[in-house]
Amino acid sequence: MKDSDESPGKSAPSRRKDARRNKEALLDAAAAVFVTSGVHAPVRDIAAEAGVGLGTIYRHFPTRADLIIAVYRHQVDACAEAGPDLLATSPSPHAALGRWIDLFVDFLVTKHGLAAVLQADSTGFETLHSYFLDRLVPVCAELLDAASAAGEIRPGIDAYELLRGVGNLCVGADSDPRYDARRLVDLLIAGLRRPHDGPA
């Protein structure tokens, strides 16, 4: 009797961890489908990508808006958490900054679709936008500070301005196949480098 009483308590943390991992996998699948098919993609496509039934998605996210908002927050969190990891593993702070901006550009693809969906709910969008700024601006500032301290980029670059500039360069990328936003963003990041005196 004692063993059976303890068993649920022992397995509960494991079940919670599994549930969290499954939910994150579901959000990753939804994000992938949104990138290729837009935020109005059929829920069955997301279920197929995640390898789960429709009921599993609706149990976690009763409405499409719930799913979209969760994907947005999940991607913001993933982008924010990647910053310190890249700084620790990249060959230089400037390289870490470039790789992080690549992730940010990937994220913006979904963000643009989300903005259109939430037009009718300006309060909800403002809340998400604040979350986005609170999470990502400090990470970008940390990367900029590290690259500046290493003498790789010009000092005094504002993180919010940089993210806003990257965002503006990405506008229109989904409506004009000839427009290569990533190439222009790469040029922007390369242009942050501090000029060197004399030959390299």
Protein backbone atom coordinates (compact mmCIF):
# COMPACT_ATOMS: atom_id res chain seq x y z
CA MET A 1 0.00 0.00 0.00
CA LYS A 2 2.82 2.32 0.90
CA ASP A 3 4.56 1.67 -2.44
CA SER A 4 1.45 2.51 -4.44
CA ASP A 5 0.92 5.67 -2.39
CA GLU A 6 4.44 6.87 -3.17
CA SER A 7 4.36 5.93 -6.84
CA PRO A 8 2.16 8.80 -8.07
CA GLY A 9 4.30 11.31 -6.18
CA LYS A 10 7.47 9.92 -7.69
CA SER A 11 6.14 9.95 -11.24
CA ALA A 12 4.42 13.36 -11.13
CA PRO A 13 7.59 15.42 -11.81
CA SER A 14 8.45 13.06 -14.68
CA ARG A 15 4.94 13.40 -16.10
CA ARG A 16 5.10 17.19 -15.82
CA LYS A 17 8.48 17.19 -17.59
CA ASP A 18 7.09 14.98 -20.37
CA ALA A 19 4.03 17.20 -20.74
CA ARG A 20 6.21 20.31 -20.96
CA ARG A 21 8.49 18.66 -23.53
CA ASN A 22 5.48 17.56 -25.59
CA LYS A 23 4.00 21.05 -25.48
CA GLU A 24 7.31 22.57 -26.62
CA ALA A 25 7.52 20.06 -29.48
CA LEU A 26 3.99 21.05 -30.45
CA LEU A 27 4.93 24.74 -30.45
CA ASP A 28 8.03 24.03 -32.54
CA ALA A 29 5.88 22.16 -35.05
CA ALA A 30 3.32 24.98 -35.17
CA ALA A 31 6.08 27.54 -35.71
CA ALA A 32 7.51 25.49 -38.60
CA VAL A 33 4.09 25.25 -40.25
CA PHE A 34 3.43 28.97 -39.73
CA VAL A 35 6.73 29.82 -41.44
CA THR A 36 5.92 27.76 -44.52
CA SER A 37 2.13 28.12 -44.71
CA GLY A 38 1.22 31.16 -42.60
CA VAL A 39 -0.67 31.46 -39.33
CA HIS A 40 -3.93 30.41 -40.98
CA ALA A 41 -2.56 26.96 -41.83
CA PRO A 42 -4.97 24.09 -41.03
CA VAL A 43 -4.59 22.73 -37.51
CA ARG A 44 -4.42 19.21 -39.00
CA ASP A 45 -1.16 20.24 -40.73
CA ILE A 46 0.29 21.25 -37.37
CA ALA A 47 -0.89 17.99 -35.81
CA ALA A 48 0.76 16.03 -38.63
CA GLU A 49 4.03 17.97 -38.23
CA ALA A 50 4.00 17.33 -34.49
CA GLY A 51 2.91 13.68 -34.85
CA VAL A 52 -0.09 14.11 -32.53
CA GLY A 53 -3.87 14.03 -32.86
CA LEU A 54 -6.06 17.11 -33.23
CA GLY A 55 -7.43 16.53 -29.74
CA THR A 56 -3.97 17.01 -28.24
CA ILE A 57 -3.64 20.43 -29.85
CA TYR A 58 -7.10 21.57 -28.79
CA ARG A 59 -6.52 20.32 -25.26
CA HIS A 60 -3.49 22.60 -24.94
CA PHE A 61 -4.78 25.44 -27.13
CA PRO A 62 -8.60 25.70 -27.36
CA THR A 63 -8.48 28.47 -29.99
CA ARG A 64 -6.17 29.40 -32.86
CA ALA A 65 -5.37 32.68 -31.09
CA ASP A 66 -4.21 30.72 -28.03
CA LEU A 67 -1.88 28.69 -30.24
CA ILE A 68 -0.51 31.70 -32.11
CA ILE A 69 0.18 33.62 -28.91
CA ALA A 70 1.87 30.57 -27.36
CA VAL A 71 4.06 30.13 -30.47
CA TYR A 72 5.01 33.81 -30.35
CA ARG A 73 6.04 33.64 -26.68
CA HIS A 74 7.84 30.32 -27.23
CA GLN A 75 9.87 31.77 -30.09
CA VAL A 76 10.68 34.92 -28.13
CA ASP A 77 11.91 32.79 -25.23
CA ALA A 78 13.99 30.55 -27.51
CA CYS A 79 15.57 33.58 -29.19
CA ALA A 80 16.33 35.21 -25.83
CA GLU A 81 17.86 32.04 -24.39
CA ALA A 82 20.05 31.54 -27.47
CA GLY A 83 21.95 34.81 -26.92
CA PRO A 84 24.12 33.79 -23.94
CA ASP A 85 24.70 30.33 -25.45
CA LEU A 86 25.94 31.83 -28.72
CA LEU A 87 28.17 34.27 -26.85
CA ALA A 88 29.76 31.38 -24.99
CA THR A 89 30.25 29.11 -28.02
CA SER A 90 30.92 31.41 -30.99
CA PRO A 91 34.46 32.27 -32.12
CA SER A 92 33.89 35.97 -31.37
CA PRO A 93 31.18 38.28 -29.97
CA HIS A 94 30.55 39.71 -33.45
CA ALA A 95 30.02 36.18 -34.79
CA ALA A 96 27.62 35.51 -31.91
CA LEU A 97 25.75 38.71 -32.72
CA GLY A 98 25.45 37.73 -36.40
CA ARG A 99 24.15 34.26 -35.57
CA TRP A 100 21.68 35.65 -33.06
CA ILE A 101 20.38 38.19 -35.56
CA ASP A 102 19.84 35.28 -37.99
CA LEU A 103 17.59 33.64 -35.38
CA PHE A 104 15.80 36.95 -34.88
CA VAL A 105 15.14 37.23 -38.62
CA ASP A 106 13.71 33.69 -38.63
CA PHE A 107 11.44 34.68 -35.76
CA LEU A 108 10.18 37.77 -37.59
CA VAL A 109 8.64 35.61 -40.31
CA THR A 110 6.10 34.29 -37.83
CA LYS A 111 5.78 37.64 -36.08
CA HIS A 112 4.55 39.37 -39.22
CA GLY A 113 1.77 36.82 -39.63
CA LEU A 114 0.86 37.17 -35.99
CA ALA A 115 0.57 40.94 -36.23
CA ALA A 116 -2.03 40.59 -38.98
CA VAL A 117 -4.06 38.07 -36.98
CA LEU A 118 -4.11 40.22 -33.86
CA GLN A 119 -5.18 43.46 -35.58
CA ALA A 120 -8.59 43.16 -33.95
CA ASP A 121 -7.06 42.71 -30.50
CA SER A 122 -4.74 45.67 -30.07
CA THR A 123 -4.46 45.10 -26.31
CA GLY A 124 -3.31 41.53 -26.83
CA PHE A 125 -0.78 42.60 -29.41
CA GLU A 126 0.56 45.41 -27.21
CA THR A 127 1.03 42.91 -24.36
CA LEU A 128 2.98 40.58 -26.64
CA HIS A 129 5.01 43.44 -28.08
CA SER A 130 6.02 44.49 -24.56
CA TYR A 131 7.00 40.90 -23.78
CA PHE A 132 9.06 40.81 -26.97
CA LEU A 133 10.93 44.01 -26.03
CA ASP A 134 11.46 43.00 -22.40
CA ARG A 135 12.99 39.67 -23.41
CA LEU A 136 14.98 40.49 -26.55
CA VAL A 137 16.33 44.04 -26.14
CA PRO A 138 18.51 43.13 -23.09
CA VAL A 139 19.92 40.08 -24.92
CA CYS A 140 20.77 42.16 -27.98
CA ALA A 141 22.36 44.80 -25.72
CA GLU A 142 24.51 42.12 -24.07
CA LEU A 143 25.76 40.91 -27.45
CA LEU A 144 26.45 44.47 -28.63
CA ASP A 145 28.31 45.31 -25.40
CA ALA A 146 30.48 42.20 -25.73
CA ALA A 147 31.33 42.94 -29.36
CA SER A 148 32.08 46.58 -28.52
CA ALA A 149 34.26 45.61 -25.54
CA ALA A 150 36.19 43.26 -27.85
CA GLY A 151 36.82 46.18 -30.20
CA GLU A 152 34.91 44.47 -33.03
CA ILE A 153 32.09 46.98 -33.53
CA ARG A 154 31.52 50.69 -33.13
CA PRO A 155 30.55 51.69 -29.59
CA GLY A 156 27.22 53.24 -28.69
CA ILE A 157 24.92 51.13 -30.87
CA ASP A 158 21.44 51.04 -29.34
CA ALA A 159 19.90 47.55 -29.10
CA TYR A 160 16.33 48.74 -29.64
CA GLU A 161 17.30 50.74 -32.72
CA LEU A 162 19.17 47.78 -34.18
CA LEU A 163 16.25 45.39 -33.66
CA ARG A 164 13.86 47.97 -35.09
CA GLY A 165 16.14 48.41 -38.12
CA VAL A 166 16.35 44.66 -38.71
CA GLY A 167 12.58 44.44 -38.41
CA ASN A 168 12.11 47.19 -40.97
CA LEU A 169 14.46 45.42 -43.39
CA CYS A 170 12.35 42.27 -43.06
CA VAL A 171 9.08 44.01 -43.92
CA GLY A 172 7.97 42.98 -47.39
CA ALA A 173 10.11 39.86 -47.56
CA ASP A 174 6.97 37.72 -47.64
CA SER A 175 5.33 39.67 -50.48
CA ASP A 176 8.24 40.07 -52.93
CA PRO A 177 10.26 36.94 -53.81
CA ARG A 178 13.02 39.12 -55.32
CA TYR A 179 13.61 40.88 -52.00
CA ASP A 180 16.34 39.18 -49.96
CA ALA A 181 15.93 40.54 -46.44
CA ARG A 182 18.57 38.25 -44.97
CA ARG A 183 21.26 39.56 -47.36
CA LEU A 184 20.46 43.14 -46.39
CA VAL A 185 20.48 42.27 -42.70
CA ASP A 186 23.89 40.61 -43.18
CA LEU A 187 25.15 43.84 -44.75
CA LEU A 188 23.78 45.81 -41.80
CA ILE A 189 25.54 43.60 -39.24
CA ALA A 190 28.78 43.70 -41.26
CA GLY A 191 28.50 47.49 -41.28
CA LEU A 192 28.58 47.60 -37.48
CA ARG A 193 32.25 46.63 -37.53
CA ARG A 194 34.68 49.21 -36.24
CA PRO A 195 36.86 50.64 -39.05
CA HIS A 196 40.50 49.59 -38.76
CA ASP A 197 43.36 51.96 -39.39
CA GLY A 198 45.64 50.82 -42.17
CA PRO A 199 45.57 47.44 -43.90
CA ALA A 200 43.94 44.52 -42.14
